[in-house]
Amino acid sequence: MRTTAHGLSVDVPAGWEARIVRLPESAPYLHLASFALTADVGQFGAGATAAMGPDTAFAALVEYLVDRHARPGTGLFASRRWPPRLRVGEFGHDRLQVMRPGHLGAQRFFTVGRRPFCLYTVIAPVRRRPAQLIGELSAVLATVAFDG
């Protein structure tokens, strides 16, 4: 199933959920999870990651409004690499926005077109190797399209 809104779209495999939200006076963001998303999870998914079970994955793709701090193609947003090839070495406990036992996080900033983004990802490996979860998450993220 394809989820589309606000210039973003993603193919959502069976067992996964996606939500694209745009709040007043903000740019859109996409949440993608291999588990059921709760109603109010926050822009970077703090509520969603609190609900993660073992062997699950979560991603928040957050667009920034262009201003003097968030300029496409420069500084923090200089990278233009999409889709991401997430690597095990990028994930760590110290890269989480909210520290939770057993969780590993990674974060990247980049630009697509003239749109600056942050990709924040979290995995919760227990029985499955981190590389397996990262591979599945990367495959789903590879289906994200940016329109406009």
C-alpha atoms as a PDB file:
ATOM      1  CA  MET A   1       0.000   0.000   0.000  1.00  0.00           C
ATOM      2  CA  ARG A   2       1.270   3.494  -0.845  1.00  0.00           C
ATOM      3  CA  THR A   3       0.826   6.350   1.645  1.00  0.00           C
ATOM      4  CA  THR A   4       0.951   9.837   0.081  1.00  0.00           C
ATOM      5  CA  ALA A   5       0.516  13.373   1.465  1.00  0.00           C
ATOM      6  CA  HIS A   6       2.223  16.775   1.549  1.00  0.00           C
ATOM      7  CA  GLY A   7       4.732  15.997  -1.192  1.00  0.00           C
ATOM      8  CA  LEU A   8       5.925  12.729   0.365  1.00  0.00           C
ATOM      9  CA  SER A   9       5.000   9.128  -0.363  1.00  0.00           C
ATOM     10  CA  VAL A  10       6.171   5.674   0.706  1.00  0.00           C
ATOM     11  CA  ASP A  11       5.321   2.046  -0.013  1.00  0.00           C
ATOM     12  CA  VAL A  12       4.182   0.454   3.236  1.00  0.00           C
ATOM     13  CA  PRO A  13       4.755  -3.297   3.469  1.00  0.00           C
ATOM     14  CA  ALA A  14       2.425  -5.651   5.317  1.00  0.00           C
ATOM     15  CA  GLY A  15       2.957  -5.372   9.057  1.00  0.00           C
ATOM     16  CA  TRP A  16       4.279  -1.803   8.821  1.00  0.00           C
ATOM     17  CA  GLU A  17       2.500   1.518   9.336  1.00  0.00           C
ATOM     18  CA  ALA A  18       3.182   4.969   7.917  1.00  0.00           C
ATOM     19  CA  ARG A  19       1.778   8.377   8.678  1.00  0.00           C
ATOM     20  CA  ILE A  20       2.489  11.701   6.984  1.00  0.00           C
ATOM     21  CA  VAL A  21       1.592  14.758   9.052  1.00  0.00           C
ATOM     22  CA  ARG A  22       1.778  18.481   8.558  1.00  0.00           C
ATOM     23  CA  LEU A  23       1.027  20.643  11.569  1.00  0.00           C
ATOM     24  CA  PRO A  24       0.134  24.334  11.200  1.00  0.00           C
ATOM     25  CA  GLU A  25       3.214  26.494  10.626  1.00  0.00           C
ATOM     26  CA  SER A  26       5.530  23.512  10.112  1.00  0.00           C
ATOM     27  CA  ALA A  27       6.858  21.388   7.297  1.00  0.00           C
ATOM     28  CA  PRO A  28       5.598  17.803   6.929  1.00  0.00           C
ATOM     29  CA  TYR A  29       7.068  14.721   8.530  1.00  0.00           C
ATOM     30  CA  LEU A  30       6.735  11.012   7.838  1.00  0.00           C
ATOM     31  CA  HIS A  31       6.664   8.295  10.479  1.00  0.00           C
ATOM     32  CA  LEU A  32       7.340   4.737   9.428  1.00  0.00           C
ATOM     33  CA  ALA A  33       7.244   1.757  11.802  1.00  0.00           C
ATOM     34  CA  SER A  34       7.296  -2.023  11.767  1.00  0.00           C
ATOM     35  CA  PHE A  35       4.707  -1.895  14.582  1.00  0.00           C
ATOM     36  CA  ALA A  36       1.441  -0.080  15.265  1.00  0.00           C
ATOM     37  CA  LEU A  37       1.890   3.677  15.621  1.00  0.00           C
ATOM     38  CA  THR A  38       0.177   5.345  18.564  1.00  0.00           C
ATOM     39  CA  ALA A  39      -1.926   8.481  18.129  1.00  0.00           C
ATOM     40  CA  ASP A  40       0.336  11.229  19.520  1.00  0.00           C
ATOM     41  CA  VAL A  41       3.967  10.320  18.965  1.00  0.00           C
ATOM     42  CA  GLY A  42       5.706  13.684  18.461  1.00  0.00           C
ATOM     43  CA  GLN A  43       7.585  14.945  15.425  1.00  0.00           C
ATOM     44  CA  PHE A  44      10.654  12.758  16.011  1.00  0.00           C
ATOM     45  CA  GLY A  45       8.603   9.843  17.342  1.00  0.00           C
ATOM     46  CA  ALA A  46       9.370   9.841  21.073  1.00  0.00           C
ATOM     47  CA  GLY A  47       5.926   8.369  21.741  1.00  0.00           C
ATOM     48  CA  ALA A  48       6.374   5.758  19.032  1.00  0.00           C
ATOM     49  CA  THR A  49       9.789   4.634  20.223  1.00  0.00           C
ATOM     50  CA  ALA A  50       8.364   4.280  23.752  1.00  0.00           C
ATOM     51  CA  ALA A  51       5.903   1.739  22.301  1.00  0.00           C
ATOM     52  CA  MET A  52       8.499  -0.273  20.352  1.00  0.00           C
ATOM     53  CA  GLY A  53       8.622  -3.975  21.017  1.00  0.00           C
ATOM     54  CA  PRO A  54      11.560  -6.281  20.449  1.00  0.00           C
ATOM     55  CA  ASP A  55      12.931  -6.590  16.910  1.00  0.00           C
ATOM     56  CA  THR A  56      11.124  -3.526  15.554  1.00  0.00           C
ATOM     57  CA  ALA A  57      12.218  -0.484  13.561  1.00  0.00           C
ATOM     58  CA  PHE A  58      11.089   3.152  13.376  1.00  0.00           C
ATOM     59  CA  ALA A  59      11.947   6.130  11.167  1.00  0.00           C
ATOM     60  CA  ALA A  60      10.985   9.793  11.305  1.00  0.00           C
ATOM     61  CA  LEU A  61      11.661  11.746   8.126  1.00  0.00           C
ATOM     62  CA  VAL A  62      11.292  15.369   9.212  1.00  0.00           C
ATOM     63  CA  GLU A  63      11.318  18.252   6.754  1.00  0.00           C
ATOM     64  CA  TYR A  64      12.489  21.664   7.929  1.00  0.00           C
ATOM     65  CA  LEU A  65      11.068  25.006   6.893  1.00  0.00           C
ATOM     66  CA  VAL A  66      13.707  26.901   4.963  1.00  0.00           C
ATOM     67  CA  ASP A  67      15.058  29.840   6.943  1.00  0.00           C
ATOM     68  CA  ARG A  68      18.448  31.284   7.851  1.00  0.00           C
ATOM     69  CA  HIS A  69      19.172  28.219  10.050  1.00  0.00           C
ATOM     70  CA  ALA A  70      17.895  25.502   7.677  1.00  0.00           C
ATOM     71  CA  ARG A  71      19.236  26.198   4.204  1.00  0.00           C
ATOM     72  CA  PRO A  72      18.993  23.445   1.589  1.00  0.00           C
ATOM     73  CA  GLY A  73      22.312  22.125   0.317  1.00  0.00           C
ATOM     74  CA  THR A  74      24.478  23.922   2.885  1.00  0.00           C
ATOM     75  CA  GLY A  75      25.902  23.275   6.334  1.00  0.00           C
ATOM     76  CA  LEU A  76      24.078  20.512   8.156  1.00  0.00           C
ATOM     77  CA  PHE A  77      21.916  19.924   5.055  1.00  0.00           C
ATOM     78  CA  ALA A  78      24.806  19.761   2.533  1.00  0.00           C
ATOM     79  CA  SER A  79      24.374  16.038   1.802  1.00  0.00           C
ATOM     80  CA  ARG A  80      22.137  15.111  -1.124  1.00  0.00           C
ATOM     81  CA  ARG A  81      22.275  11.325  -0.623  1.00  0.00           C
ATOM     82  CA  TRP A  82      18.907   9.621  -0.953  1.00  0.00           C
ATOM     83  CA  PRO A  83      17.900   6.866  -0.545  1.00  0.00           C
ATOM     84  CA  PRO A  84      20.015   6.210   2.504  1.00  0.00           C
ATOM     85  CA  ARG A  85      22.166   3.139   2.845  1.00  0.00           C
ATOM     86  CA  LEU A  86      21.987   2.785   6.581  1.00  0.00           C
ATOM     87  CA  ARG A  87      24.930   0.986   8.146  1.00  0.00           C
ATOM     88  CA  VAL A  88      25.246  -0.822  11.463  1.00  0.00           C
ATOM     89  CA  GLY A  89      28.147   1.432  12.480  1.00  0.00           C
ATOM     90  CA  GLU A  90      25.887   4.511  12.348  1.00  0.00           C
ATOM     91  CA  PHE A  91      23.624   3.156  15.091  1.00  0.00           C
ATOM     92  CA  GLY A  92      24.349   3.573  18.774  1.00  0.00           C
ATOM     93  CA  HIS A  93      22.802   4.158  22.179  1.00  0.00           C
ATOM     94  CA  ASP A  94      24.368   7.620  22.243  1.00  0.00           C
ATOM     95  CA  ARG A  95      22.522   8.628  19.059  1.00  0.00           C
ATOM     96  CA  LEU A  96      19.029   8.337  20.515  1.00  0.00           C
ATOM     97  CA  GLN A  97      16.932  11.417  21.166  1.00  0.00           C
ATOM     98  CA  VAL A  98      15.338   9.575  24.089  1.00  0.00           C
ATOM     99  CA  MET A  99      17.535   6.927  25.717  1.00  0.00           C
ATOM    100  CA  ARG A 100      15.783   3.589  26.051  1.00  0.00           C
ATOM    101  CA  PRO A 101      17.365   0.254  27.021  1.00  0.00           C
ATOM    102  CA  GLY A 102      17.970  -1.989  24.012  1.00  0.00           C
ATOM    103  CA  HIS A 103      17.388   0.760  21.442  1.00  0.00           C
ATOM    104  CA  LEU A 104      19.940   1.942  18.899  1.00  0.00           C
ATOM    105  CA  GLY A 105      19.535   5.154  16.912  1.00  0.00           C
ATOM    106  CA  ALA A 106      21.003   6.990  13.941  1.00  0.00           C
ATOM    107  CA  GLN A 107      20.405  10.428  12.473  1.00  0.00           C
ATOM    108  CA  ARG A 108      21.231  12.062   9.129  1.00  0.00           C
ATOM    109  CA  PHE A 109      20.596  15.466   7.623  1.00  0.00           C
ATOM    110  CA  PHE A 110      20.291  16.001   3.862  1.00  0.00           C
ATOM    111  CA  THR A 111      18.580  17.941   1.074  1.00  0.00           C
ATOM    112  CA  VAL A 112      16.306  16.656  -1.690  1.00  0.00           C
ATOM    113  CA  GLY A 113      15.603  19.280  -4.355  1.00  0.00           C
ATOM    114  CA  ARG A 114      15.252  22.462  -2.317  1.00  0.00           C
ATOM    115  CA  ARG A 115      13.863  20.667   0.760  1.00  0.00           C
ATOM    116  CA  PRO A 116      16.001  20.143   3.912  1.00  0.00           C
ATOM    117  CA  PHE A 117      15.351  16.966   5.941  1.00  0.00           C
ATOM    118  CA  CYS A 118      16.456  14.969   8.947  1.00  0.00           C
ATOM    119  CA  LEU A 119      16.123  11.181   8.970  1.00  0.00           C
ATOM    120  CA  TYR A 120      15.987   9.797  12.514  1.00  0.00           C
ATOM    121  CA  THR A 121      15.923   6.000  12.830  1.00  0.00           C
ATOM    122  CA  VAL A 122      15.615   3.638  15.792  1.00  0.00           C
ATOM    123  CA  ILE A 123      15.894  -0.136  15.994  1.00  0.00           C
ATOM    124  CA  ALA A 124      15.255  -2.480  18.932  1.00  0.00           C
ATOM    125  CA  PRO A 125      17.217  -5.667  18.210  1.00  0.00           C
ATOM    126  CA  VAL A 126      16.640  -8.552  20.604  1.00  0.00           C
ATOM    127  CA  ARG A 127      16.552 -11.884  18.782  1.00  0.00           C
ATOM    128  CA  ARG A 128      17.361 -10.481  15.330  1.00  0.00           C
ATOM    129  CA  ARG A 129      20.686  -8.998  14.357  1.00  0.00           C
ATOM    130  CA  PRO A 130      20.810  -5.188  13.949  1.00  0.00           C
ATOM    131  CA  ALA A 131      21.881  -5.627  10.309  1.00  0.00           C
ATOM    132  CA  GLN A 132      18.617  -7.451   9.525  1.00  0.00           C
ATOM    133  CA  LEU A 133      16.436  -4.684  10.980  1.00  0.00           C
ATOM    134  CA  ILE A 134      18.539  -1.978   9.331  1.00  0.00           C
ATOM    135  CA  GLY A 135      18.281  -3.770   5.987  1.00  0.00           C
ATOM    136  CA  GLU A 136      14.489  -3.983   6.205  1.00  0.00           C
ATOM    137  CA  LEU A 137      14.208  -0.345   7.240  1.00  0.00           C
ATOM    138  CA  SER A 138      16.540   0.749   4.433  1.00  0.00           C
ATOM    139  CA  ALA A 139      14.465  -1.193   1.874  1.00  0.00           C
ATOM    140  CA  VAL A 140      11.279   0.585   2.927  1.00  0.00           C
ATOM    141  CA  LEU A 141      12.988   3.991   3.021  1.00  0.00           C
ATOM    142  CA  ALA A 142      14.212   3.378  -0.541  1.00  0.00           C
ATOM    143  CA  THR A 143      10.562   3.609  -1.663  1.00  0.00           C
ATOM    144  CA  VAL A 144      10.123   7.171  -0.327  1.00  0.00           C
ATOM    145  CA  ALA A 145       9.394   9.688  -3.074  1.00  0.00           C
ATOM    146  CA  PHE A 146       9.647  13.462  -2.796  1.00  0.00           C
ATOM    147  CA  ASP A 147       7.253  15.488  -4.941  1.00  0.00           C
ATOM    148  CA  GLY A 148       7.330  19.214  -5.468  1.00  0.00           C
END
